[in-house]
């Protein structure tokens, strides 16, 4: 049974690791969003939208159509990016460390002072009984040896 202070230390350590993992997931999400934005800006629809915005008057209708297509493309690319983030190594690590942190915290919370005191007193009682038993056995052995020696 680990000491409560040790369990608290383990729990806080796990929480730190989980926070770091969450930070990594955030970085990965930002990175993926940046890539998605670049991909969207390179698409045919984006280029068409830029060109049609430059054209005056009549081209406004075309631009609206291209913008709708661009939004659809952006949504699709974002969905793909989200899948990349959730399947990434960082996200998996974050899930594992968050679970470990939760377990460590639960374990530390379970071992209250009263429970620790009860276990400690039980161990002391057991140790006293064992000591008494050993002493009794040693006396008995010494006594029988003394009897044999006197014969």
N, C-alpha and C. Protein backbone atom coordinates (compact mmCIF):
# COMPACT_ATOMS: atom_id res chain seq x y z
N UNK A 1 0.86 -1.20 0.00
CA UNK A 1 0.00 0.00 0.00
C UNK A 1 0.88 1.23 0.00
N UNK A 2 0.76 2.03 -1.02
CA UNK A 2 1.56 3.26 -1.12
C UNK A 2 1.02 4.31 -0.16
N UNK A 3 1.92 5.18 0.29
CA UNK A 3 1.51 6.26 1.19
C UNK A 3 0.64 7.26 0.44
N UNK A 4 -0.30 7.89 1.16
CA UNK A 4 -1.17 8.89 0.49
C UNK A 4 -0.37 10.01 -0.17
N UNK A 5 0.73 10.44 0.47
CA UNK A 5 1.52 11.53 -0.14
C UNK A 5 2.13 11.07 -1.45
N UNK A 6 2.56 9.81 -1.48
CA UNK A 6 3.14 9.26 -2.71
C UNK A 6 2.06 9.16 -3.79
N UNK A 7 0.87 8.74 -3.38
CA UNK A 7 -0.24 8.63 -4.34
C UNK A 7 -0.62 10.00 -4.88
N UNK A 8 -0.61 11.02 -3.98
CA UNK A 8 -0.92 12.37 -4.44
C UNK A 8 0.12 12.83 -5.46
N UNK A 9 1.38 12.52 -5.17
CA UNK A 9 2.46 12.91 -6.09
C UNK A 9 2.28 12.22 -7.44
N UNK A 10 1.92 10.92 -7.39
CA UNK A 10 1.70 10.20 -8.65
C UNK A 10 0.52 10.79 -9.41
N UNK A 11 -0.53 11.13 -8.69
CA UNK A 11 -1.72 11.70 -9.33
C UNK A 11 -1.38 13.03 -9.98
N UNK A 12 -0.64 13.88 -9.26
CA UNK A 12 -0.30 15.19 -9.84
C UNK A 12 0.62 15.03 -11.03
N UNK A 13 1.50 14.03 -10.96
CA UNK A 13 2.40 13.77 -12.09
C UNK A 13 1.58 13.34 -13.31
N UNK A 14 0.62 12.46 -13.09
CA UNK A 14 -0.23 11.99 -14.19
C UNK A 14 -1.04 13.15 -14.78
N UNK A 15 -1.49 14.04 -13.91
CA UNK A 15 -2.27 15.20 -14.38
C UNK A 15 -1.40 16.10 -15.24
N UNK A 16 -0.14 16.30 -14.82
CA UNK A 16 0.78 17.11 -15.62
C UNK A 16 1.00 16.50 -16.99
N UNK A 17 1.18 15.17 -17.00
CA UNK A 17 1.39 14.48 -18.28
C UNK A 17 0.16 14.62 -19.16
N UNK A 18 -1.03 14.50 -18.55
CA UNK A 18 -2.27 14.65 -19.31
C UNK A 18 -2.40 16.06 -19.88
N UNK A 19 -2.03 17.07 -19.09
CA UNK A 19 -2.10 18.45 -19.57
C UNK A 19 -1.15 18.66 -20.75
N UNK A 20 0.03 18.09 -20.66
CA UNK A 20 1.00 18.18 -21.75
C UNK A 20 0.44 17.52 -23.01
N UNK A 21 -0.20 16.36 -22.82
CA UNK A 21 -0.78 15.64 -23.96
C UNK A 21 -1.89 16.47 -24.60
N UNK A 22 -2.70 17.11 -23.76
CA UNK A 22 -3.78 17.96 -24.29
C UNK A 22 -3.18 19.11 -25.10
N UNK A 23 -2.07 19.65 -24.60
CA UNK A 23 -1.38 20.73 -25.32
C UNK A 23 -0.91 20.24 -26.68
N UNK A 24 -0.37 19.02 -26.69
CA UNK A 24 0.10 18.44 -27.96
C UNK A 24 -1.05 18.26 -28.94
N UNK A 25 -2.21 17.82 -28.42
CA UNK A 25 -3.38 17.64 -29.27
C UNK A 25 -3.81 18.99 -29.85
N UNK A 26 -3.78 20.04 -29.03
CA UNK A 26 -4.14 21.38 -29.49
C UNK A 26 -3.21 21.84 -30.60
N UNK A 27 -1.91 21.60 -30.40
CA UNK A 27 -0.93 21.97 -31.43
C UNK A 27 -1.21 21.23 -32.73
N UNK A 28 -1.51 19.94 -32.59
CA UNK A 28 -1.78 19.12 -33.78
C UNK A 28 -3.03 19.64 -34.49
N UNK A 29 -4.04 20.04 -33.72
CA UNK A 29 -5.27 20.57 -34.32
C UNK A 29 -5.00 21.87 -35.07
N UNK A 30 -4.20 22.75 -34.48
CA UNK A 30 -3.87 24.03 -35.13
C UNK A 30 -3.09 23.77 -36.41
N UNK A 31 -2.14 22.84 -36.31
CA UNK A 31 -1.32 22.50 -37.48
C UNK A 31 -2.20 21.95 -38.61
N UNK A 32 -3.12 21.06 -38.24
CA UNK A 32 -4.03 20.47 -39.24
C UNK A 32 -4.94 21.52 -39.84
N UNK A 33 -5.42 22.45 -39.00
CA UNK A 33 -6.29 23.52 -39.51
C UNK A 33 -5.53 24.40 -40.50
N UNK A 34 -4.26 24.66 -40.20
CA UNK A 34 -3.43 25.45 -41.12
C UNK A 34 -3.27 24.75 -42.45
N UNK A 35 -3.01 23.44 -42.39
CA UNK A 35 -2.86 22.66 -43.63
C UNK A 35 -4.16 22.66 -44.42
N UNK A 36 -5.28 22.52 -43.69
CA UNK A 36 -6.59 22.52 -44.34
C UNK A 36 -6.83 23.84 -45.05
N UNK A 37 -6.51 24.96 -44.38
CA UNK A 37 -6.70 26.27 -44.99
C UNK A 37 -5.86 26.41 -46.25
N UNK A 38 -4.63 25.90 -46.21
CA UNK A 38 -3.77 25.96 -47.40
C UNK A 38 -4.36 25.13 -48.53
N UNK A 39 -4.85 23.93 -48.17
CA UNK A 39 -5.44 23.05 -49.19
C UNK A 39 -6.66 23.70 -49.83
N UNK A 40 -7.48 24.31 -48.98
CA UNK A 40 -8.69 24.96 -49.50
C UNK A 40 -8.32 26.11 -50.42
N UNK A 41 -7.30 26.90 -50.04
CA UNK A 41 -6.92 28.05 -50.88
C UNK A 41 -6.33 27.60 -52.22
N UNK A 42 -5.83 26.39 -52.29
CA UNK A 42 -5.26 25.89 -53.54
C UNK A 42 -6.31 25.26 -54.46
N UNK A 43 -7.50 25.02 -53.96
CA UNK A 43 -8.50 24.31 -54.75
C UNK A 43 -8.97 25.14 -55.94
N UNK A 44 -9.51 24.43 -56.89
CA UNK A 44 -10.02 25.06 -58.11
C UNK A 44 -11.12 26.07 -57.76
N UNK A 45 -11.98 25.68 -56.82
CA UNK A 45 -13.10 26.56 -56.44
C UNK A 45 -12.59 27.87 -55.84
N UNK A 46 -11.53 27.79 -55.03
CA UNK A 46 -10.99 29.00 -54.40
C UNK A 46 -10.40 29.93 -55.45
N UNK A 47 -9.67 29.34 -56.39
CA UNK A 47 -9.08 30.15 -57.46
C UNK A 47 -10.16 30.80 -58.31
N UNK A 48 -11.19 30.01 -58.59
CA UNK A 48 -12.30 30.53 -59.39
C UNK A 48 -12.98 31.67 -58.64
N UNK A 49 -13.15 31.48 -57.32
CA UNK A 49 -13.79 32.52 -56.52
C UNK A 49 -12.97 33.81 -56.53
N UNK A 50 -11.65 33.67 -56.41
CA UNK A 50 -10.79 34.87 -56.44
C UNK A 50 -10.89 35.60 -57.78
N UNK A 51 -10.86 34.83 -58.85
CA UNK A 51 -10.94 35.45 -60.18
C UNK A 51 -12.29 36.13 -60.39
N UNK A 52 -13.34 35.43 -59.98
CA UNK A 52 -14.67 35.98 -60.22
C UNK A 52 -14.97 37.20 -59.37
N UNK A 53 -14.28 37.29 -58.21
CA UNK A 53 -14.45 38.48 -57.37
C UNK A 53 -13.87 39.69 -58.09
N UNK A 54 -12.77 39.48 -58.84
CA UNK A 54 -12.13 40.57 -59.57
C UNK A 54 -13.00 41.06 -60.72
N UNK A 55 -13.73 40.16 -61.32
CA UNK A 55 -14.57 40.53 -62.46
C UNK A 55 -15.77 41.31 -61.93
N UNK A 56 -16.12 42.38 -62.58
CA UNK A 56 -17.20 43.25 -62.09
C UNK A 56 -18.57 42.75 -62.53
N UNK A 57 -19.60 43.34 -61.88
CA UNK A 57 -21.00 43.19 -62.29
C UNK A 57 -21.54 41.80 -62.46
N UNK A 58 -21.60 41.33 -63.73
CA UNK A 58 -22.25 40.06 -64.06
C UNK A 58 -21.61 38.88 -63.35
N UNK A 59 -20.32 38.99 -63.09
CA UNK A 59 -19.61 37.86 -62.49
C UNK A 59 -19.99 37.63 -61.03
N UNK A 60 -20.75 38.55 -60.42
CA UNK A 60 -21.15 38.40 -59.02
C UNK A 60 -21.91 37.10 -58.80
N UNK A 61 -22.78 36.73 -59.75
CA UNK A 61 -23.56 35.49 -59.64
C UNK A 61 -22.63 34.28 -59.67
N UNK A 62 -21.65 34.30 -60.53
CA UNK A 62 -20.69 33.19 -60.64
C UNK A 62 -19.90 33.07 -59.34
N UNK A 63 -19.51 34.23 -58.82
CA UNK A 63 -18.75 34.23 -57.57
C UNK A 63 -19.54 33.59 -56.44
N UNK A 64 -20.85 33.88 -56.40
CA UNK A 64 -21.69 33.30 -55.35
C UNK A 64 -21.71 31.78 -55.48
N UNK A 65 -21.85 31.31 -56.72
CA UNK A 65 -21.84 29.85 -56.94
C UNK A 65 -20.52 29.24 -56.55
N UNK A 66 -19.42 29.93 -56.92
CA UNK A 66 -18.09 29.42 -56.58
C UNK A 66 -17.88 29.43 -55.06
N UNK A 67 -18.41 30.47 -54.40
CA UNK A 67 -18.27 30.56 -52.95
C UNK A 67 -18.98 29.41 -52.26
N UNK A 68 -20.17 29.04 -52.77
CA UNK A 68 -20.90 27.91 -52.19
C UNK A 68 -20.07 26.63 -52.35
N UNK A 69 -19.51 26.44 -53.54
CA UNK A 69 -18.66 25.27 -53.78
C UNK A 69 -17.45 25.29 -52.86
N UNK A 70 -16.89 26.49 -52.66
CA UNK A 70 -15.74 26.64 -51.78
C UNK A 70 -16.09 26.26 -50.35
N UNK A 71 -17.26 26.69 -49.88
CA UNK A 71 -17.70 26.35 -48.51
C UNK A 71 -17.83 24.84 -48.37
N UNK A 72 -18.43 24.21 -49.40
CA UNK A 72 -18.58 22.75 -49.35
C UNK A 72 -17.22 22.06 -49.28
N UNK A 73 -16.30 22.55 -50.09
CA UNK A 73 -14.94 21.97 -50.08
C UNK A 73 -14.28 22.17 -48.72
N UNK A 74 -14.44 23.36 -48.16
CA UNK A 74 -13.84 23.66 -46.85
C UNK A 74 -14.40 22.74 -45.78
N UNK A 75 -15.71 22.49 -45.84
CA UNK A 75 -16.34 21.60 -44.85
C UNK A 75 -15.76 20.20 -44.97
N UNK A 76 -15.65 19.71 -46.22
CA UNK A 76 -15.09 18.38 -46.44
C UNK A 76 -13.65 18.28 -45.94
N UNK A 77 -12.86 19.29 -46.25
CA UNK A 77 -11.45 19.30 -45.82
C UNK A 77 -11.34 19.37 -44.29
N UNK A 78 -12.22 20.16 -43.66
CA UNK A 78 -12.20 20.27 -42.20
C UNK A 78 -12.54 18.93 -41.56
N UNK A 79 -13.51 18.24 -42.15
CA UNK A 79 -13.89 16.92 -41.63
C UNK A 79 -12.70 15.96 -41.69
N UNK A 80 -12.00 15.99 -42.82
CA UNK A 80 -10.81 15.14 -42.97
C UNK A 80 -9.75 15.51 -41.94
N UNK A 81 -9.58 16.83 -41.73
CA UNK A 81 -8.60 17.31 -40.76
C UNK A 81 -8.94 16.85 -39.35
N UNK A 82 -10.23 16.88 -39.01
CA UNK A 82 -10.66 16.45 -37.68
C UNK A 82 -10.37 14.96 -37.49
N UNK A 83 -10.57 14.18 -38.53
CA UNK A 83 -10.27 12.74 -38.44
C UNK A 83 -8.77 12.52 -38.24
N UNK A 84 -7.97 13.35 -38.91
CA UNK A 84 -6.52 13.25 -38.76
C UNK A 84 -6.12 13.54 -37.32
N UNK A 85 -6.72 14.56 -36.72
CA UNK A 85 -6.37 14.93 -35.34
C UNK A 85 -6.78 13.84 -34.37
N UNK A 86 -8.02 13.33 -34.48
CA UNK A 86 -8.48 12.34 -33.51
C UNK A 86 -7.73 11.02 -33.65
N UNK A 87 -7.26 10.72 -34.84
CA UNK A 87 -6.50 9.49 -35.04
C UNK A 87 -5.02 9.66 -34.82
N UNK A 88 -4.58 10.86 -34.50
CA UNK A 88 -3.14 11.12 -34.37
C UNK A 88 -2.57 10.49 -33.11
N UNK A 89 -1.25 10.35 -33.13
CA UNK A 89 -0.53 9.78 -32.00
C UNK A 89 -0.72 10.64 -30.75
N UNK A 90 -0.73 11.96 -30.95
CA UNK A 90 -0.88 12.88 -29.81
C UNK A 90 -2.24 12.69 -29.12
N UNK A 91 -3.29 12.53 -29.93
CA UNK A 91 -4.63 12.36 -29.35
C UNK A 91 -4.72 11.05 -28.58
N UNK A 92 -4.11 9.99 -29.13
CA UNK A 92 -4.13 8.69 -28.44
C UNK A 92 -3.38 8.77 -27.13
N UNK A 93 -2.22 9.43 -27.16
CA UNK A 93 -1.43 9.61 -25.94
C UNK A 93 -2.21 10.41 -24.91
N UNK A 94 -2.90 11.44 -25.37
CA UNK A 94 -3.69 12.28 -24.46
C UNK A 94 -4.79 11.46 -23.80
N UNK A 95 -5.46 10.61 -24.59
CA UNK A 95 -6.52 9.77 -24.01
C UNK A 95 -5.95 8.85 -22.94
N UNK A 96 -4.81 8.21 -23.24
CA UNK A 96 -4.20 7.28 -22.28
C UNK A 96 -3.79 8.00 -21.00
N UNK A 97 -3.10 9.13 -21.15
CA UNK A 97 -2.60 9.83 -19.96
C UNK A 97 -3.74 10.41 -19.14
N UNK A 98 -4.80 10.86 -19.82
CA UNK A 98 -5.96 11.38 -19.08
C UNK A 98 -6.59 10.26 -18.25
N UNK A 99 -6.67 9.06 -18.85
CA UNK A 99 -7.23 7.92 -18.12
C UNK A 99 -6.36 7.57 -16.93
N UNK A 100 -5.02 7.56 -17.13
CA UNK A 100 -4.10 7.25 -16.04
C UNK A 100 -4.21 8.28 -14.91
N UNK A 101 -4.31 9.55 -15.30
CA UNK A 101 -4.43 10.62 -14.30
C UNK A 101 -5.70 10.45 -13.49
N UNK A 102 -6.79 10.12 -14.17
CA UNK A 102 -8.07 9.93 -13.47
C UNK A 102 -7.98 8.75 -12.50
N UNK A 103 -7.34 7.66 -12.95
CA UNK A 103 -7.21 6.48 -12.08
C UNK A 103 -6.34 6.78 -10.87
N UNK A 104 -5.23 7.49 -11.10
CA UNK A 104 -4.33 7.83 -9.99
C UNK A 104 -5.02 8.74 -8.99
N UNK A 105 -5.79 9.69 -9.49
CA UNK A 105 -6.51 10.62 -8.61
C UNK A 105 -7.56 9.86 -7.79
N UNK A 106 -8.26 8.95 -8.47
CA UNK A 106 -9.27 8.13 -7.78
C UNK A 106 -8.63 7.32 -6.66
N UNK A 107 -7.49 6.71 -6.99
CA UNK A 107 -6.78 5.86 -6.03
C UNK A 107 -6.34 6.69 -4.81
N UNK A 108 -5.80 7.88 -5.09
CA UNK A 108 -5.35 8.75 -4.00
C UNK A 108 -6.52 9.19 -3.13
N UNK A 109 -7.66 9.45 -3.76
CA UNK A 109 -8.84 9.89 -3.00
C UNK A 109 -9.40 8.75 -2.15
N UNK A 110 -9.26 7.53 -2.65
CA UNK A 110 -9.81 6.38 -1.91
C UNK A 110 -9.09 6.16 -0.59
N UNK A 111 -7.76 6.31 -0.58
CA UNK A 111 -7.02 6.01 0.64
C UNK A 111 -7.09 7.23 1.56
N UNK A 112 -8.13 7.26 2.38
CA UNK A 112 -8.30 8.37 3.31
C UNK A 112 -7.41 8.15 4.53
N UNK A 113 -7.32 9.16 5.38
CA UNK A 113 -6.46 9.05 6.56
C UNK A 113 -6.98 8.00 7.53
N UNK A 114 -8.31 7.91 7.67
CA UNK A 114 -8.87 6.92 8.60
C UNK A 114 -8.56 5.51 8.12
N UNK A 115 -8.66 5.29 6.83
CA UNK A 115 -8.35 3.97 6.29
C UNK A 115 -6.88 3.66 6.50
N UNK A 116 -6.03 4.64 6.26
CA UNK A 116 -4.59 4.45 6.45
C UNK A 116 -4.28 4.16 7.91
N UNK A 117 -4.95 4.88 8.82
CA UNK A 117 -4.75 4.68 10.25
C UNK A 117 -5.17 3.27 10.65
N UNK A 118 -6.32 2.82 10.14
CA UNK A 118 -6.82 1.48 10.46
C UNK A 118 -5.85 0.42 9.97
N UNK A 119 -5.36 0.58 8.75
CA UNK A 119 -4.41 -0.39 8.20
C UNK A 119 -3.11 -0.38 8.99
N UNK A 120 -2.68 0.80 9.40
CA UNK A 120 -1.45 0.93 10.17
C UNK A 120 -1.56 0.26 11.53
N UNK A 121 -2.70 0.46 12.20
CA UNK A 121 -2.88 -0.15 13.52
C UNK A 121 -3.01 -1.67 13.40
N UNK A 122 -3.66 -2.14 12.32
CA UNK A 122 -3.77 -3.58 12.10
C UNK A 122 -2.39 -4.19 11.88
N UNK A 123 -1.55 -3.49 11.13
CA UNK A 123 -0.19 -3.97 10.88
C UNK A 123 0.62 -4.01 12.18
N UNK A 124 0.44 -2.99 13.02
CA UNK A 124 1.16 -2.94 14.30
C UNK A 124 0.73 -4.09 15.20
N UNK A 125 -0.57 -4.36 15.25
CA UNK A 125 -1.10 -5.46 16.06
C UNK A 125 -0.53 -6.79 15.58
N UNK A 126 -0.52 -6.96 14.29
CA UNK A 126 0.01 -8.20 13.70
C UNK A 126 1.50 -8.35 14.02
N UNK A 127 2.24 -7.26 13.95
CA UNK A 127 3.67 -7.29 14.25
C UNK A 127 3.92 -7.64 15.71
N UNK A 128 3.08 -7.07 16.63
CA UNK A 128 3.22 -7.38 18.05
C UNK A 128 2.98 -8.87 18.31
N UNK A 129 1.92 -9.39 17.68
CA UNK A 129 1.58 -10.79 17.87
C UNK A 129 2.70 -11.69 17.35
N UNK A 130 3.24 -11.36 16.21
CA UNK A 130 4.34 -12.13 15.61
C UNK A 130 5.57 -12.09 16.52
N UNK A 131 5.85 -10.90 17.06
CA UNK A 131 6.99 -10.73 17.95
C UNK A 131 6.83 -11.59 19.21
N UNK A 132 5.63 -11.56 19.78
CA UNK A 132 5.35 -12.35 20.99
C UNK A 132 5.50 -13.85 20.70
N UNK A 133 5.02 -14.27 19.57
CA UNK A 133 5.09 -15.68 19.16
C UNK A 133 6.55 -16.11 19.02
N UNK A 134 7.34 -15.26 18.37
CA UNK A 134 8.76 -15.56 18.15
C UNK A 134 9.50 -15.63 19.48
N UNK A 135 9.20 -14.68 20.39
CA UNK A 135 9.84 -14.65 21.71
C UNK A 135 9.51 -15.93 22.48
N UNK A 136 8.25 -16.32 22.45
CA UNK A 136 7.79 -17.53 23.16
C UNK A 136 8.53 -18.76 22.63
N UNK A 137 8.66 -18.84 21.33
CA UNK A 137 9.32 -19.97 20.70
C UNK A 137 10.79 -20.01 21.09
N UNK A 138 11.42 -18.83 21.10
CA UNK A 138 12.84 -18.74 21.47
C UNK A 138 13.05 -19.18 22.92
N UNK A 139 12.16 -18.77 23.83
CA UNK A 139 12.25 -19.16 25.24
C UNK A 139 12.12 -20.68 25.40
N UNK A 140 11.16 -21.21 24.64
CA UNK A 140 10.90 -22.65 24.70
C UNK A 140 12.14 -23.42 24.23
N UNK A 141 12.73 -22.97 23.15
CA UNK A 141 13.93 -23.61 22.61
C UNK A 141 15.08 -23.52 23.61
N UNK A 142 15.25 -22.33 24.20
CA UNK A 142 16.31 -22.13 25.18
C UNK A 142 16.09 -23.01 26.40
N UNK A 143 14.85 -23.13 26.82
CA UNK A 143 14.50 -23.93 28.00
C UNK A 143 14.80 -25.41 27.75
N UNK A 144 14.40 -25.90 26.59
CA UNK A 144 14.63 -27.32 26.28
C UNK A 144 16.12 -27.59 26.13
N UNK A 145 16.86 -26.64 25.59
CA UNK A 145 18.31 -26.80 25.46
C UNK A 145 18.98 -26.83 26.84
N UNK A 146 18.49 -26.02 27.74
CA UNK A 146 19.02 -25.95 29.10
C UNK A 146 18.78 -27.28 29.83
N UNK A 147 17.58 -27.84 29.64
CA UNK A 147 17.21 -29.13 30.27
C UNK A 147 18.13 -30.24 29.76
N UNK A 148 18.35 -30.24 28.45
CA UNK A 148 19.21 -31.27 27.84
C UNK A 148 20.63 -31.15 28.35
N UNK A 149 21.09 -29.92 28.51
CA UNK A 149 22.45 -29.69 28.97
C UNK A 149 22.64 -30.14 30.42
N UNK A 150 21.60 -29.99 31.26
CA UNK A 150 21.71 -30.35 32.66
C UNK A 150 21.66 -31.85 32.87
N UNK A 151 21.16 -32.62 31.95
CA UNK A 151 21.08 -34.08 32.11
C UNK A 151 22.38 -34.76 32.00
